[in-house]
Every structure is written in C-alpha cells, then in structure tokens.
Amino acid sequence: MPPEPGTYPQGKFEVPPDGLDLLLVRHGQSQAYVAGQTFPLVDGHGDPPLSELGQAQAQRVGERLATAGIDAIYVTTLQRTAQTAAPLVARTGLQVRVEPDLREVYLGEWEGGEYRRNVAQGHPIAQRIFAEERWDVIPGGESSEAFEARVRSGIARIAASHPGQRVAVFTHGGVVGRAVKIACGSRPFAFNRADNASISKLAVIGDDWFVRSFNDTAHLDGLL
C-alpha cells in the first residue's frame, strides 16, 4: 500500500541500478600447516586446499546463497576460494570468473605456512605486524599501499562489469578486512577477523563503498 500523501516512511535500502551488491565470502578453513612441509605456491602465495571442516563450510555457503539471486561468482587464483565456491557453482550453474587482484596479501618470506607458525609462537615480527597494523614488516611482505590499491582495482573492475547485479566473490580474510576498511575508513586491521566461510556485504555505488554487514556466519551454526 502506498504511503499517505505528505508522509515519508522509512524504506528498505536498495542498491541503485548503477551500483554493485557485493558479497565477500571468506574461503572455508584450509588444511593445517605442518612444520617443514611448505604449502605449494601459486605466484608466490601459499596454496593449501580446504580441510574437511572447510569443505563442510563450503557446502553451507552454497546452501545459503543458492537462492540469493547471485548473478556472478568470482574466485581468486588460489584453490581454497574455488573449492569454497564449488557447491554454489553446482547449485546455480553460473560460470566461475577469476579476479587475481583479490588474492590474499603477500606474506614474503613467511609464505607457504610459515606465517601461521610464527604467529602461533609469538615471533617478534608477528607482534610488530599487529602492533603496527602492517604486513610489510615481514621481510618481502606486501605494503599496505600496494595491497589496498589492488583490492580497490579488483572490486572496481567487478563493479564496472556488473552494474545493478549481486555478485559473490570468494576471497580471503585479509581482502575482506581491507575492503571493509576502505568502505568505512577504519584503522587498517580493524576488520581482519572475519571467520572462515563468513559473508560480508558491501554496496559499491560509483566511488562510494558502503558496509551492509560484516562476518555473517548464521549458516555455519554447529560447525564453528
């Protein structure tokens, strides 16, 4: 029923026809790193597959988003994102697209699993990472400026290709955190704690990015 003349009720937010309804899905849990057994590398990035739990999380994501009106599905160059997207791809029949710029932040000499070990053991550089909120304190690590630039570029390309559409991007925790940071102007690591297989939503309208939700894990009840 339309509102009475002269009244102005609150309405539901709708992404305008030239905007992007963006769902950022962090990949499911990947396999554990075993000291001395470096993960395979893809373009220098550690590339572990999903764990058994991660595969179950991927199934839950596929179930959650199967009827969400997804128009396109993107993954990165790393297999854990493609494996997480696979159940949704099977349910929708959509063709997977790859956006390389939304791969995880590059960890330099700590790639291949060493980052996990060093953080767990309280390495002094690991402590600096979180105190200074920078990745490039790791030898060879990616700078905040370079990382943010490619996250912006990757999302901008997707927005330009899908005006007025809803797109699911299966990506990484660092990318989710950086995209939300860009949208709200927070400190660099404020949103670096997205759970595996969580869903965060942004609306991209021209040069403006809006946070719609962060770290939605309702579909993972009983798995976390």
C-alpha atoms as a PDB file:
ATOM      1  CA  MET A   1       0.000   0.000   0.000  1.00  0.00           C
ATOM      2  CA  PRO A   2       1.453   3.414  -0.953  1.00  0.00           C
ATOM      3  CA  PRO A   3       2.044   5.938   1.852  1.00  0.00           C
ATOM      4  CA  GLU A   4      -0.489   8.640   2.558  1.00  0.00           C
ATOM      5  CA  PRO A   5       0.186  11.932   0.782  1.00  0.00           C
ATOM      6  CA  GLY A   6       2.605  14.064   2.748  1.00  0.00           C
ATOM      7  CA  THR A   7       4.029  11.150   4.740  1.00  0.00           C
ATOM      8  CA  TYR A   8       7.566   9.848   4.370  1.00  0.00           C
ATOM      9  CA  PRO A   9       8.062   6.384   5.876  1.00  0.00           C
ATOM     10  CA  GLN A  10      11.385   4.690   6.225  1.00  0.00           C
ATOM     11  CA  GLY A  11      12.106   2.312   3.389  1.00  0.00           C
ATOM     12  CA  LYS A  12      14.315  -0.656   2.702  1.00  0.00           C
ATOM     13  CA  PHE A  13      17.717   0.144   1.227  1.00  0.00           C
ATOM     14  CA  GLU A  14      18.039  -0.860  -2.414  1.00  0.00           C
ATOM     15  CA  VAL A  15      21.271  -0.805  -4.405  1.00  0.00           C
ATOM     16  CA  PRO A  16      20.649   1.592  -7.308  1.00  0.00           C
ATOM     17  CA  PRO A  17      20.678   0.306 -10.914  1.00  0.00           C
ATOM     18  CA  ASP A  18      24.253   1.503 -11.471  1.00  0.00           C
ATOM     19  CA  GLY A  19      25.562   0.032  -8.201  1.00  0.00           C
ATOM     20  CA  LEU A  20      27.025  -3.325  -7.175  1.00  0.00           C
ATOM     21  CA  ASP A  21      25.563  -5.555  -4.464  1.00  0.00           C
ATOM     22  CA  LEU A  22      28.772  -7.277  -3.377  1.00  0.00           C
ATOM     23  CA  LEU A  23      29.001 -10.364  -1.183  1.00  0.00           C
ATOM     24  CA  LEU A  24      32.519 -11.086   0.045  1.00  0.00           C
ATOM     25  CA  VAL A  25      32.796 -14.712   1.142  1.00  0.00           C
ATOM     26  CA  ARG A  26      35.901 -15.761   3.001  1.00  0.00           C
ATOM     27  CA  HIS A  27      37.084 -19.214   1.954  1.00  0.00           C
ATOM     28  CA  GLY A  28      36.488 -22.195   4.227  1.00  0.00           C
ATOM     29  CA  GLN A  29      39.101 -23.440   6.648  1.00  0.00           C
ATOM     30  CA  SER A  30      42.236 -24.632   4.816  1.00  0.00           C
ATOM     31  CA  GLN A  31      44.420 -27.537   5.782  1.00  0.00           C
ATOM     32  CA  ALA A  32      46.716 -27.173   8.766  1.00  0.00           C
ATOM     33  CA  TYR A  33      50.342 -26.279   8.210  1.00  0.00           C
ATOM     34  CA  VAL A  34      52.817 -28.915   9.372  1.00  0.00           C
ATOM     35  CA  ALA A  35      56.243 -27.505  10.270  1.00  0.00           C
ATOM     36  CA  GLY A  36      58.716 -28.158   7.482  1.00  0.00           C
ATOM     37  CA  GLN A  37      56.031 -29.106   4.945  1.00  0.00           C
ATOM     38  CA  THR A  38      55.588 -25.917   2.946  1.00  0.00           C
ATOM     39  CA  PHE A  39      52.289 -25.439   1.143  1.00  0.00           C
ATOM     40  CA  PRO A  40      52.530 -25.432  -2.671  1.00  0.00           C
ATOM     41  CA  LEU A  41      52.972 -21.908  -4.024  1.00  0.00           C
ATOM     42  CA  VAL A  42      50.999 -20.186  -6.783  1.00  0.00           C
ATOM     43  CA  ASP A  43      52.694 -16.997  -7.954  1.00  0.00           C
ATOM     44  CA  GLY A  44      54.495 -16.957  -4.620  1.00  0.00           C
ATOM     45  CA  HIS A  45      51.363 -17.380  -2.495  1.00  0.00           C
ATOM     46  CA  GLY A  46      50.751 -20.403  -0.277  1.00  0.00           C
ATOM     47  CA  ASP A  47      48.005 -22.522  -1.830  1.00  0.00           C
ATOM     48  CA  PRO A  48      46.637 -25.095   0.641  1.00  0.00           C
ATOM     49  CA  PRO A  49      43.385 -26.915  -0.129  1.00  0.00           C
ATOM     50  CA  LEU A  50      40.380 -26.891   2.167  1.00  0.00           C
ATOM     51  CA  SER A  51      40.324 -29.054   5.264  1.00  0.00           C
ATOM     52  CA  GLU A  52      37.461 -31.448   5.941  1.00  0.00           C
ATOM     53  CA  LEU A  53      35.793 -28.738   8.030  1.00  0.00           C
ATOM     54  CA  GLY A  54      36.381 -26.237   5.247  1.00  0.00           C
ATOM     55  CA  GLN A  55      34.591 -28.492   2.785  1.00  0.00           C
ATOM     56  CA  ALA A  56      31.604 -28.715   5.119  1.00  0.00           C
ATOM     57  CA  GLN A  57      31.631 -24.928   5.474  1.00  0.00           C
ATOM     58  CA  ALA A  58      31.637 -24.592   1.685  1.00  0.00           C
ATOM     59  CA  GLN A  59      28.531 -26.750   1.472  1.00  0.00           C
ATOM     60  CA  ARG A  60      26.770 -24.495   3.970  1.00  0.00           C
ATOM     61  CA  VAL A  61      27.716 -21.391   1.976  1.00  0.00           C
ATOM     62  CA  GLY A  62      26.351 -22.986  -1.181  1.00  0.00           C
ATOM     63  CA  GLU A  63      23.071 -23.776   0.545  1.00  0.00           C
ATOM     64  CA  ARG A  64      22.817 -20.264   1.986  1.00  0.00           C
ATOM     65  CA  LEU A  65      23.432 -18.435  -1.289  1.00  0.00           C
ATOM     66  CA  ALA A  66      21.746 -20.808  -3.745  1.00  0.00           C
ATOM     67  CA  THR A  67      18.507 -18.802  -3.682  1.00  0.00           C
ATOM     68  CA  ALA A  68      20.055 -15.383  -3.000  1.00  0.00           C
ATOM     69  CA  GLY A  69      19.795 -14.166  -6.587  1.00  0.00           C
ATOM     70  CA  ILE A  70      23.503 -14.279  -7.338  1.00  0.00           C
ATOM     71  CA  ASP A  71      24.293 -13.017 -10.848  1.00  0.00           C
ATOM     72  CA  ALA A  72      28.013 -13.838 -10.970  1.00  0.00           C
ATOM     73  CA  ILE A  73      30.617 -15.758  -8.968  1.00  0.00           C
ATOM     74  CA  TYR A  74      34.263 -14.766  -8.666  1.00  0.00           C
ATOM     75  CA  VAL A  75      37.209 -16.591  -7.110  1.00  0.00           C
ATOM     76  CA  THR A  76      40.919 -15.806  -6.836  1.00  0.00           C
ATOM     77  CA  THR A  77      43.910 -17.675  -8.214  1.00  0.00           C
ATOM     78  CA  LEU A  78      44.183 -19.764  -5.021  1.00  0.00           C
ATOM     79  CA  GLN A  79      42.402 -23.104  -4.823  1.00  0.00           C
ATOM     80  CA  ARG A  80      40.759 -22.650  -1.443  1.00  0.00           C
ATOM     81  CA  THR A  81      38.478 -19.972  -2.902  1.00  0.00           C
ATOM     82  CA  ALA A  82      37.470 -22.090  -5.903  1.00  0.00           C
ATOM     83  CA  GLN A  83      36.818 -25.074  -3.624  1.00  0.00           C
ATOM     84  CA  THR A  84      34.631 -22.938  -1.361  1.00  0.00           C
ATOM     85  CA  ALA A  85      32.674 -21.613  -4.334  1.00  0.00           C
ATOM     86  CA  ALA A  86      32.194 -25.052  -5.927  1.00  0.00           C
ATOM     87  CA  PRO A  87      28.941 -26.015  -4.135  1.00  0.00           C
ATOM     88  CA  LEU A  88      27.327 -22.703  -5.093  1.00  0.00           C
ATOM     89  CA  VAL A  89      28.541 -23.090  -8.670  1.00  0.00           C
ATOM     90  CA  ALA A  90      26.975 -26.556  -8.788  1.00  0.00           C
ATOM     91  CA  ARG A  91      23.654 -25.234  -7.500  1.00  0.00           C
ATOM     92  CA  THR A  92      23.443 -22.192  -9.780  1.00  0.00           C
ATOM     93  CA  GLY A  93      25.206 -23.326 -12.937  1.00  0.00           C
ATOM     94  CA  LEU A  94      26.999 -19.986 -13.110  1.00  0.00           C
ATOM     95  CA  GLN A  95      30.421 -19.837 -14.729  1.00  0.00           C
ATOM     96  CA  VAL A  96      33.266 -19.049 -12.338  1.00  0.00           C
ATOM     97  CA  ARG A  97      35.312 -15.936 -13.054  1.00  0.00           C
ATOM     98  CA  VAL A  98      38.776 -15.209 -11.663  1.00  0.00           C
ATOM     99  CA  GLU A  99      39.886 -11.870 -10.209  1.00  0.00           C
ATOM    100  CA  PRO A 100      43.624 -12.189  -9.431  1.00  0.00           C
ATOM    101  CA  ASP A 101      43.839  -8.865  -7.589  1.00  0.00           C
ATOM    102  CA  LEU A 102      41.615 -10.190  -4.802  1.00  0.00           C
ATOM    103  CA  ARG A 103      44.096 -12.908  -3.788  1.00  0.00           C
ATOM    104  CA  GLU A 104      45.399 -12.803  -0.225  1.00  0.00           C
ATOM    105  CA  VAL A 105      48.001 -10.298   0.964  1.00  0.00           C
ATOM    106  CA  TYR A 106      51.519 -11.437   0.072  1.00  0.00           C
ATOM    107  CA  LEU A 107      53.498 -12.530   3.138  1.00  0.00           C
ATOM    108  CA  GLY A 108      57.003 -12.514   1.648  1.00  0.00           C
ATOM    109  CA  GLU A 109      59.394 -14.883   3.391  1.00  0.00           C
ATOM    110  CA  TRP A 110      56.547 -16.141   5.577  1.00  0.00           C
ATOM    111  CA  GLU A 111      54.527 -17.612   2.717  1.00  0.00           C
ATOM    112  CA  GLY A 112      53.764 -21.309   2.450  1.00  0.00           C
ATOM    113  CA  GLY A 113      52.630 -21.713   6.056  1.00  0.00           C
ATOM    114  CA  GLU A 114      55.423 -20.026   7.997  1.00  0.00           C
ATOM    115  CA  TYR A 115      53.145 -17.122   8.895  1.00  0.00           C
ATOM    116  CA  ARG A 116      50.867 -19.425  10.888  1.00  0.00           C
ATOM    117  CA  ARG A 117      53.746 -20.977  12.796  1.00  0.00           C
ATOM    118  CA  ASN A 118      55.419 -17.657  13.575  1.00  0.00           C
ATOM    119  CA  VAL A 119      52.200 -16.062  14.803  1.00  0.00           C
ATOM    120  CA  ALA A 120      51.395 -19.086  16.985  1.00  0.00           C
ATOM    121  CA  GLN A 121      54.881 -18.948  18.523  1.00  0.00           C
ATOM    122  CA  GLY A 122      54.786 -15.201  19.187  1.00  0.00           C
ATOM    123  CA  HIS A 123      57.623 -14.279  16.842  1.00  0.00           C
ATOM    124  CA  PRO A 124      58.770 -10.660  17.445  1.00  0.00           C
ATOM    125  CA  ILE A 125      57.939  -9.689  13.861  1.00  0.00           C
ATOM    126  CA  ALA A 126      54.468 -11.181  14.298  1.00  0.00           C
ATOM    127  CA  GLN A 127      53.987  -8.944  17.305  1.00  0.00           C
ATOM    128  CA  ARG A 128      55.029  -5.948  15.207  1.00  0.00           C
ATOM    129  CA  ILE A 129      52.553  -6.878  12.470  1.00  0.00           C
ATOM    130  CA  PHE A 130      49.620  -6.462  14.822  1.00  0.00           C
ATOM    131  CA  ALA A 131      51.043  -3.549  16.798  1.00  0.00           C
ATOM    132  CA  GLU A 132      51.794  -1.526  13.648  1.00  0.00           C
ATOM    133  CA  GLU A 133      48.965  -2.997  11.512  1.00  0.00           C
ATOM    134  CA  ARG A 134      51.279  -3.552   8.552  1.00  0.00           C
ATOM    135  CA  TRP A 135      52.205  -6.669   6.582  1.00  0.00           C
ATOM    136  CA  ASP A 136      55.466  -5.355   5.190  1.00  0.00           C
ATOM    137  CA  VAL A 137      57.312  -5.732   8.472  1.00  0.00           C
ATOM    138  CA  ILE A 138      57.652  -9.325   7.248  1.00  0.00           C
ATOM    139  CA  PRO A 139      60.740  -9.499   5.001  1.00  0.00           C
ATOM    140  CA  GLY A 140      59.420  -9.178   1.456  1.00  0.00           C
ATOM    141  CA  GLY A 141      55.837  -8.678   2.647  1.00  0.00           C
ATOM    142  CA  GLU A 142      53.354  -6.599   0.673  1.00  0.00           C
ATOM    143  CA  SER A 143      52.952  -2.959   1.636  1.00  0.00           C
ATOM    144  CA  SER A 144      49.594  -1.635   2.808  1.00  0.00           C
ATOM    145  CA  GLU A 145      49.563   0.791  -0.097  1.00  0.00           C
ATOM    146  CA  ALA A 146      50.105  -1.907  -2.720  1.00  0.00           C
ATOM    147  CA  PHE A 147      47.599  -4.264  -1.117  1.00  0.00           C
ATOM    148  CA  GLU A 148      44.907  -1.618  -0.835  1.00  0.00           C
ATOM    149  CA  ALA A 149      45.468  -0.468  -4.414  1.00  0.00           C
ATOM    150  CA  ARG A 150      44.878  -3.915  -5.855  1.00  0.00           C
ATOM    151  CA  VAL A 151      41.836  -4.582  -3.653  1.00  0.00           C
ATOM    152  CA  ARG A 152      40.367  -1.309  -4.915  1.00  0.00           C
ATOM    153  CA  SER A 153      41.216  -2.219  -8.512  1.00  0.00           C
ATOM    154  CA  GLY A 154      39.762  -5.710  -8.299  1.00  0.00           C
ATOM    155  CA  ILE A 155      36.471  -4.559  -6.813  1.00  0.00           C
ATOM    156  CA  ALA A 156      36.264  -1.609  -9.214  1.00  0.00           C
ATOM    157  CA  ARG A 157      36.561  -3.967 -12.184  1.00  0.00           C
ATOM    158  CA  ILE A 158      33.815  -6.186 -10.829  1.00  0.00           C
ATOM    159  CA  ALA A 159      31.582  -3.171 -10.196  1.00  0.00           C
ATOM    160  CA  ALA A 160      32.133  -1.905 -13.738  1.00  0.00           C
ATOM    161  CA  SER A 161      31.223  -5.313 -15.165  1.00  0.00           C
ATOM    162  CA  HIS A 162      28.083  -5.892 -13.075  1.00  0.00           C
ATOM    163  CA  PRO A 163      26.030  -2.719 -12.606  1.00  0.00           C
ATOM    164  CA  GLY A 164      22.763  -3.434 -10.858  1.00  0.00           C
ATOM    165  CA  GLN A 165      23.760  -7.012 -10.042  1.00  0.00           C
ATOM    166  CA  ARG A 166      24.527  -9.136  -7.000  1.00  0.00           C
ATOM    167  CA  VAL A 167      27.961 -10.735  -7.135  1.00  0.00           C
ATOM    168  CA  ALA A 168      29.534 -13.280  -4.781  1.00  0.00           C
ATOM    169  CA  VAL A 169      33.319 -13.010  -4.507  1.00  0.00           C
ATOM    170  CA  PHE A 170      35.068 -15.894  -2.778  1.00  0.00           C
ATOM    171  CA  THR A 171      38.230 -14.391  -1.379  1.00  0.00           C
ATOM    172  CA  HIS A 172      40.483 -14.164   1.699  1.00  0.00           C
ATOM    173  CA  GLY A 173      40.392 -12.772   5.216  1.00  0.00           C
ATOM    174  CA  GLY A 174      42.901 -10.030   4.510  1.00  0.00           C
ATOM    175  CA  VAL A 175      40.947  -8.895   1.456  1.00  0.00           C
ATOM    176  CA  VAL A 176      37.650  -8.842   3.343  1.00  0.00           C
ATOM    177  CA  GLY A 177      39.273  -6.799   6.091  1.00  0.00           C
ATOM    178  CA  ARG A 178      40.840  -4.353   3.675  1.00  0.00           C
ATOM    179  CA  ALA A 179      37.648  -3.875   1.633  1.00  0.00           C
ATOM    180  CA  VAL A 180      35.605  -3.095   4.745  1.00  0.00           C
ATOM    181  CA  LYS A 181      38.388  -0.808   5.970  1.00  0.00           C
ATOM    182  CA  ILE A 182      38.236   1.104   2.677  1.00  0.00           C
ATOM    183  CA  ALA A 183      34.469   1.399   2.896  1.00  0.00           C
ATOM    184  CA  CYS A 184      34.354   2.806   6.425  1.00  0.00           C
ATOM    185  CA  GLY A 185      37.754   4.470   6.777  1.00  0.00           C
ATOM    186  CA  SER A 186      38.775   2.434   9.814  1.00  0.00           C
ATOM    187  CA  ARG A 187      42.261   1.617  11.059  1.00  0.00           C
ATOM    188  CA  PRO A 188      43.946  -0.993   8.807  1.00  0.00           C
ATOM    189  CA  PHE A 189      43.346  -4.183  10.804  1.00  0.00           C
ATOM    190  CA  ALA A 190      40.009  -3.323  12.434  1.00  0.00           C
ATOM    191  CA  PHE A 191      38.145  -5.892  10.306  1.00  0.00           C
ATOM    192  CA  ASN A 192      40.836  -8.567   9.955  1.00  0.00           C
ATOM    193  CA  ARG A 193      38.952 -11.171  11.972  1.00  0.00           C
ATOM    194  CA  ALA A 194      36.349 -12.483   9.526  1.00  0.00           C
ATOM    195  CA  ASP A 195      35.579 -16.148  10.158  1.00  0.00           C
ATOM    196  CA  ASN A 196      36.169 -18.832   7.551  1.00  0.00           C
ATOM    197  CA  ALA A 197      33.166 -19.103   5.209  1.00  0.00           C
ATOM    198  CA  SER A 198      31.619 -15.895   6.577  1.00  0.00           C
ATOM    199  CA  ILE A 199      29.717 -13.469   4.353  1.00  0.00           C
ATOM    200  CA  SER A 200      30.249  -9.709   4.388  1.00  0.00           C
ATOM    201  CA  LYS A 201      28.218  -7.337   2.239  1.00  0.00           C
ATOM    202  CA  LEU A 202      29.154  -4.071   0.577  1.00  0.00           C
ATOM    203  CA  ALA A 203      27.239  -1.769  -1.721  1.00  0.00           C
ATOM    204  CA  VAL A 204      29.528  -0.164  -4.308  1.00  0.00           C
ATOM    205  CA  ILE A 205      27.938   2.909  -5.838  1.00  0.00           C
ATOM    206  CA  GLY A 206      30.334   4.802  -8.057  1.00  0.00           C
ATOM    207  CA  ASP A 207      33.342   5.732  -5.954  1.00  0.00           C
ATOM    208  CA  ASP A 208      31.430   5.206  -2.716  1.00  0.00           C
ATOM    209  CA  TRP A 209      31.539   1.926  -0.796  1.00  0.00           C
ATOM    210  CA  PHE A 210      29.031   1.166   1.967  1.00  0.00           C
ATOM    211  CA  VAL A 211      29.219  -1.615   4.565  1.00  0.00           C
ATOM    212  CA  ARG A 212      25.932  -3.540   4.712  1.00  0.00           C
ATOM    213  CA  SER A 213      27.085  -6.357   7.025  1.00  0.00           C
ATOM    214  CA  PHE A 214      30.260  -7.998   8.299  1.00  0.00           C
ATOM    215  CA  ASN A 215      31.116 -11.587   9.244  1.00  0.00           C
ATOM    216  CA  ASP A 216      27.669 -13.170   8.868  1.00  0.00           C
ATOM    217  CA  THR A 217      28.030 -16.820   9.956  1.00  0.00           C
ATOM    218  CA  ALA A 218      24.380 -17.781  10.581  1.00  0.00           C
ATOM    219  CA  HIS A 219      24.691 -20.577   8.006  1.00  0.00           C
ATOM    220  CA  LEU A 220      27.556 -22.155   9.946  1.00  0.00           C
ATOM    221  CA  ASP A 221      25.652 -22.954  13.134  1.00  0.00           C
ATOM    222  CA  GLY A 222      27.002 -26.198  14.558  1.00  0.00           C
ATOM    223  CA  LEU A 223      30.210 -26.100  12.504  1.00  0.00           C
ATOM    224  CA  LEU A 224      32.206 -23.243  14.052  1.00  0.00           C
END
